[in-house]
Amino acid sequence: MTTESERDSGSLRITVKDVFHAVNGVSSDVGEIKGALQTLTADHANLKQSAVDHEARLRRLERWAYAIPTTGITALASALIALWAANAR
């Protein structure tokens, strides 16, 4: 307990119990932050893998999208040449 003269002088008394409670509080906070950080790290790894997979799927789709018009034009040209050759006989 503080005495009247200690209160008047503005002095402060910090006990070992006070320090113990403060350290335990900080330790608990650090534990929570560590858990949150581990969760964020795992989520980031999952998102990174998902982005790589998404990019690969987009690349495959783009290859098909660009290949179809070329294939269609080639098939149409071949059909027209075959028809022209058949009519020329």
N, C-alpha and C. Protein backbone atom coordinates (compact mmCIF):
# COMPACT_ATOMS: atom_id res chain seq x y z
N MET A 1 0.83 -1.19 0.00
CA MET A 1 0.00 0.00 0.00
C MET A 1 0.87 1.24 0.00
N THR A 2 0.37 2.23 -0.59
CA THR A 2 1.11 3.48 -0.60
C THR A 2 0.70 4.32 0.59
N THR A 3 1.63 5.06 1.09
CA THR A 3 1.34 5.96 2.20
C THR A 3 0.93 7.31 1.64
N GLU A 4 0.44 8.15 2.50
CA GLU A 4 -0.01 9.49 2.10
C GLU A 4 1.14 10.29 1.50
N SER A 5 2.33 10.19 2.05
CA SER A 5 3.47 10.97 1.56
C SER A 5 3.92 10.46 0.19
N GLU A 6 3.80 9.16 -0.04
CA GLU A 6 4.17 8.62 -1.36
C GLU A 6 3.21 9.11 -2.44
N ARG A 7 1.93 9.19 -2.14
CA ARG A 7 0.95 9.70 -3.11
C ARG A 7 1.20 11.17 -3.41
N ASP A 8 1.53 11.91 -2.43
CA ASP A 8 1.76 13.34 -2.61
C ASP A 8 3.03 13.60 -3.42
N SER A 9 4.03 12.77 -3.28
CA SER A 9 5.29 12.99 -3.99
C SER A 9 5.23 12.50 -5.44
N GLY A 10 4.17 11.80 -5.84
CA GLY A 10 4.05 11.31 -7.20
C GLY A 10 4.86 10.07 -7.46
N SER A 11 5.28 9.39 -6.43
CA SER A 11 6.07 8.18 -6.63
C SER A 11 5.16 7.02 -7.04
N LEU A 12 5.76 6.02 -7.61
CA LEU A 12 5.02 4.87 -8.12
C LEU A 12 5.68 3.60 -7.64
N ARG A 13 4.91 2.65 -7.22
CA ARG A 13 5.46 1.39 -6.75
C ARG A 13 4.99 0.29 -7.70
N ILE A 14 5.94 -0.39 -8.32
CA ILE A 14 5.65 -1.52 -9.21
C ILE A 14 6.17 -2.76 -8.52
N THR A 15 5.27 -3.68 -8.29
CA THR A 15 5.66 -4.90 -7.59
C THR A 15 6.00 -6.00 -8.60
N VAL A 16 6.60 -7.06 -8.09
CA VAL A 16 6.91 -8.22 -8.92
C VAL A 16 5.62 -8.82 -9.47
N LYS A 17 4.58 -8.77 -8.70
CA LYS A 17 3.28 -9.27 -9.14
C LYS A 17 2.78 -8.48 -10.35
N ASP A 18 2.94 -7.15 -10.32
CA ASP A 18 2.55 -6.31 -11.45
C ASP A 18 3.33 -6.67 -12.70
N VAL A 19 4.63 -6.85 -12.54
CA VAL A 19 5.48 -7.22 -13.67
C VAL A 19 5.08 -8.60 -14.20
N PHE A 20 4.81 -9.53 -13.30
CA PHE A 20 4.41 -10.88 -13.68
C PHE A 20 3.13 -10.85 -14.53
N HIS A 21 2.12 -10.09 -14.09
CA HIS A 21 0.87 -9.99 -14.84
C HIS A 21 1.08 -9.32 -16.20
N ALA A 22 1.93 -8.32 -16.25
CA ALA A 22 2.20 -7.64 -17.52
C ALA A 22 2.91 -8.58 -18.49
N VAL A 23 3.88 -9.34 -18.00
CA VAL A 23 4.61 -10.27 -18.86
C VAL A 23 3.67 -11.37 -19.36
N ASN A 24 2.82 -11.87 -18.48
CA ASN A 24 1.86 -12.89 -18.91
C ASN A 24 0.90 -12.35 -19.96
N GLY A 25 0.46 -11.11 -19.81
CA GLY A 25 -0.41 -10.49 -20.80
C GLY A 25 0.27 -10.35 -22.15
N VAL A 26 1.51 -9.89 -22.13
CA VAL A 26 2.28 -9.75 -23.37
C VAL A 26 2.52 -11.12 -24.00
N SER A 27 2.83 -12.11 -23.17
CA SER A 27 3.05 -13.46 -23.68
C SER A 27 1.81 -14.01 -24.35
N SER A 28 0.67 -13.77 -23.77
CA SER A 28 -0.60 -14.22 -24.35
C SER A 28 -0.84 -13.52 -25.69
N ASP A 29 -0.59 -12.22 -25.74
CA ASP A 29 -0.76 -11.46 -26.99
C ASP A 29 0.18 -11.98 -28.08
N VAL A 30 1.42 -12.25 -27.72
CA VAL A 30 2.39 -12.78 -28.69
C VAL A 30 1.93 -14.14 -29.21
N GLY A 31 1.37 -14.97 -28.32
CA GLY A 31 0.85 -16.27 -28.75
C GLY A 31 -0.28 -16.13 -29.74
N GLU A 32 -1.17 -15.18 -29.50
CA GLU A 32 -2.28 -14.94 -30.44
C GLU A 32 -1.75 -14.44 -31.78
N ILE A 33 -0.79 -13.54 -31.73
CA ILE A 33 -0.21 -13.01 -32.97
C ILE A 33 0.50 -14.11 -33.74
N LYS A 34 1.20 -14.99 -33.02
CA LYS A 34 1.89 -16.10 -33.67
C LYS A 34 0.90 -17.03 -34.37
N GLY A 35 -0.21 -17.32 -33.72
CA GLY A 35 -1.24 -18.16 -34.33
C GLY A 35 -1.84 -17.51 -35.57
N ALA A 36 -2.11 -16.21 -35.48
CA ALA A 36 -2.66 -15.49 -36.63
C ALA A 36 -1.66 -15.46 -37.78
N LEU A 37 -0.40 -15.29 -37.46
CA LEU A 37 0.64 -15.27 -38.49
C LEU A 37 0.77 -16.63 -39.18
N GLN A 38 0.67 -17.70 -38.42
CA GLN A 38 0.73 -19.04 -39.02
C GLN A 38 -0.46 -19.26 -39.94
N THR A 39 -1.63 -18.80 -39.54
CA THR A 39 -2.82 -18.91 -40.39
C THR A 39 -2.64 -18.11 -41.68
N LEU A 40 -2.14 -16.89 -41.55
CA LEU A 40 -1.91 -16.07 -42.74
C LEU A 40 -0.87 -16.69 -43.67
N THR A 41 0.16 -17.27 -43.11
CA THR A 41 1.19 -17.91 -43.91
C THR A 41 0.61 -19.09 -44.69
N ALA A 42 -0.20 -19.89 -44.03
CA ALA A 42 -0.84 -21.03 -44.71
C ALA A 42 -1.79 -20.55 -45.79
N ASP A 43 -2.57 -19.52 -45.50
CA ASP A 43 -3.49 -18.97 -46.50
C ASP A 43 -2.73 -18.42 -47.70
N HIS A 44 -1.61 -17.76 -47.45
CA HIS A 44 -0.81 -17.20 -48.54
C HIS A 44 -0.26 -18.32 -49.43
N ALA A 45 0.20 -19.39 -48.82
CA ALA A 45 0.72 -20.52 -49.61
C ALA A 45 -0.39 -21.11 -50.47
N ASN A 46 -1.58 -21.25 -49.91
CA ASN A 46 -2.71 -21.78 -50.68
C ASN A 46 -3.09 -20.85 -51.83
N LEU A 47 -3.11 -19.55 -51.56
CA LEU A 47 -3.45 -18.59 -52.61
C LEU A 47 -2.39 -18.56 -53.71
N LYS A 48 -1.13 -18.70 -53.31
CA LYS A 48 -0.05 -18.70 -54.30
C LYS A 48 -0.18 -19.90 -55.22
N GLN A 49 -0.46 -21.09 -54.64
CA GLN A 49 -0.63 -22.29 -55.45
C GLN A 49 -1.86 -22.16 -56.34
N SER A 50 -2.91 -21.57 -55.81
CA SER A 50 -4.14 -21.37 -56.59
C SER A 50 -3.89 -20.43 -57.76
N ALA A 51 -3.10 -19.39 -57.55
CA ALA A 51 -2.79 -18.45 -58.63
C ALA A 51 -1.95 -19.12 -59.72
N VAL A 52 -1.02 -19.96 -59.33
CA VAL A 52 -0.21 -20.69 -60.31
C VAL A 52 -1.10 -21.62 -61.14
N ASP A 53 -1.99 -22.33 -60.46
CA ASP A 53 -2.90 -23.25 -61.14
C ASP A 53 -3.83 -22.47 -62.07
N HIS A 54 -4.34 -21.34 -61.60
CA HIS A 54 -5.22 -20.50 -62.41
C HIS A 54 -4.50 -20.01 -63.67
N GLU A 55 -3.26 -19.59 -63.50
CA GLU A 55 -2.48 -19.11 -64.64
C GLU A 55 -2.27 -20.22 -65.66
N ALA A 56 -2.00 -21.43 -65.20
CA ALA A 56 -1.80 -22.56 -66.11
C ALA A 56 -3.08 -22.86 -66.88
N ARG A 57 -4.22 -22.81 -66.19
CA ARG A 57 -5.49 -23.06 -66.88
C ARG A 57 -5.78 -21.97 -67.90
N LEU A 58 -5.47 -20.73 -67.59
CA LEU A 58 -5.67 -19.65 -68.56
C LEU A 58 -4.79 -19.83 -69.79
N ARG A 59 -3.56 -20.24 -69.58
CA ARG A 59 -2.65 -20.47 -70.71
C ARG A 59 -3.19 -21.56 -71.62
N ARG A 60 -3.70 -22.67 -71.04
CA ARG A 60 -4.26 -23.74 -71.86
C ARG A 60 -5.48 -23.25 -72.64
N LEU A 61 -6.32 -22.46 -72.00
CA LEU A 61 -7.51 -21.92 -72.66
C LEU A 61 -7.12 -20.98 -73.79
N GLU A 62 -6.11 -20.15 -73.57
CA GLU A 62 -5.65 -19.25 -74.62
C GLU A 62 -5.10 -20.02 -75.81
N ARG A 63 -4.37 -21.11 -75.56
CA ARG A 63 -3.87 -21.91 -76.68
C ARG A 63 -5.01 -22.44 -77.53
N TRP A 64 -6.07 -22.92 -76.87
CA TRP A 64 -7.23 -23.41 -77.62
C TRP A 64 -7.93 -22.28 -78.36
N ALA A 65 -8.07 -21.12 -77.71
CA ALA A 65 -8.76 -20.00 -78.33
C ALA A 65 -8.04 -19.52 -79.58
N TYR A 66 -6.73 -19.54 -79.58
CA TYR A 66 -5.98 -19.10 -80.75
C TYR A 66 -5.85 -20.20 -81.79
N ALA A 67 -5.92 -21.44 -81.37
CA ALA A 67 -5.78 -22.56 -82.31
C ALA A 67 -7.06 -22.79 -83.10
N ILE A 68 -8.22 -22.57 -82.52
CA ILE A 68 -9.50 -22.85 -83.20
C ILE A 68 -9.67 -22.00 -84.46
N PRO A 69 -9.48 -20.69 -84.46
CA PRO A 69 -9.65 -19.92 -85.70
C PRO A 69 -8.67 -20.37 -86.80
N THR A 70 -7.44 -20.66 -86.42
CA THR A 70 -6.46 -21.11 -87.41
C THR A 70 -6.89 -22.44 -88.02
N THR A 71 -7.35 -23.34 -87.17
CA THR A 71 -7.81 -24.64 -87.65
C THR A 71 -9.04 -24.47 -88.53
N GLY A 72 -9.96 -23.61 -88.13
CA GLY A 72 -11.17 -23.37 -88.93
C GLY A 72 -10.86 -22.78 -90.29
N ILE A 73 -9.96 -21.82 -90.33
CA ILE A 73 -9.59 -21.20 -91.61
C ILE A 73 -8.90 -22.22 -92.51
N THR A 74 -8.03 -23.03 -91.94
CA THR A 74 -7.35 -24.07 -92.71
C THR A 74 -8.35 -25.09 -93.25
N ALA A 75 -9.30 -25.50 -92.44
CA ALA A 75 -10.31 -26.47 -92.88
C ALA A 75 -11.18 -25.86 -93.97
N LEU A 76 -11.58 -24.63 -93.82
CA LEU A 76 -12.40 -23.97 -94.84
C LEU A 76 -11.63 -23.81 -96.14
N ALA A 77 -10.38 -23.42 -96.06
CA ALA A 77 -9.56 -23.28 -97.26
C ALA A 77 -9.38 -24.63 -97.95
N SER A 78 -9.17 -25.67 -97.18
CA SER A 78 -9.03 -27.01 -97.76
C SER A 78 -10.31 -27.45 -98.44
N ALA A 79 -11.46 -27.17 -97.83
CA ALA A 79 -12.75 -27.54 -98.43
C ALA A 79 -12.97 -26.76 -99.72
N LEU A 80 -12.67 -25.47 -99.71
CA LEU A 80 -12.84 -24.66 -100.92
C LEU A 80 -11.91 -25.14 -102.04
N ILE A 81 -10.71 -25.47 -101.71
CA ILE A 81 -9.77 -25.98 -102.72
C ILE A 81 -10.26 -27.31 -103.26
N ALA A 82 -10.77 -28.16 -102.38
CA ALA A 82 -11.30 -29.47 -102.84
C ALA A 82 -12.50 -29.27 -103.74
N LEU A 83 -13.40 -28.35 -103.39
CA LEU A 83 -14.56 -28.07 -104.25
C LEU A 83 -14.13 -27.48 -105.59
N TRP A 84 -13.17 -26.59 -105.55
CA TRP A 84 -12.67 -25.97 -106.78
C TRP A 84 -12.04 -27.02 -107.69
N ALA A 85 -11.24 -27.89 -107.05
CA ALA A 85 -10.57 -28.96 -107.81
C ALA A 85 -11.60 -29.93 -108.39
N ALA A 86 -12.67 -30.23 -107.65
CA ALA A 86 -13.70 -31.14 -108.14
C ALA A 86 -14.48 -30.51 -109.29
N ASN A 87 -14.74 -29.23 -109.24
CA ASN A 87 -15.48 -28.55 -110.30
C ASN A 87 -14.61 -28.30 -111.51
N ALA A 88 -13.33 -28.24 -111.36
CA ALA A 88 -12.42 -27.97 -112.47
C ALA A 88 -12.27 -29.19 -113.35
N ARG A 89 -12.60 -30.38 -112.92
CA ARG A 89 -12.45 -31.60 -113.72
C ARG A 89 -13.48 -31.72 -114.75
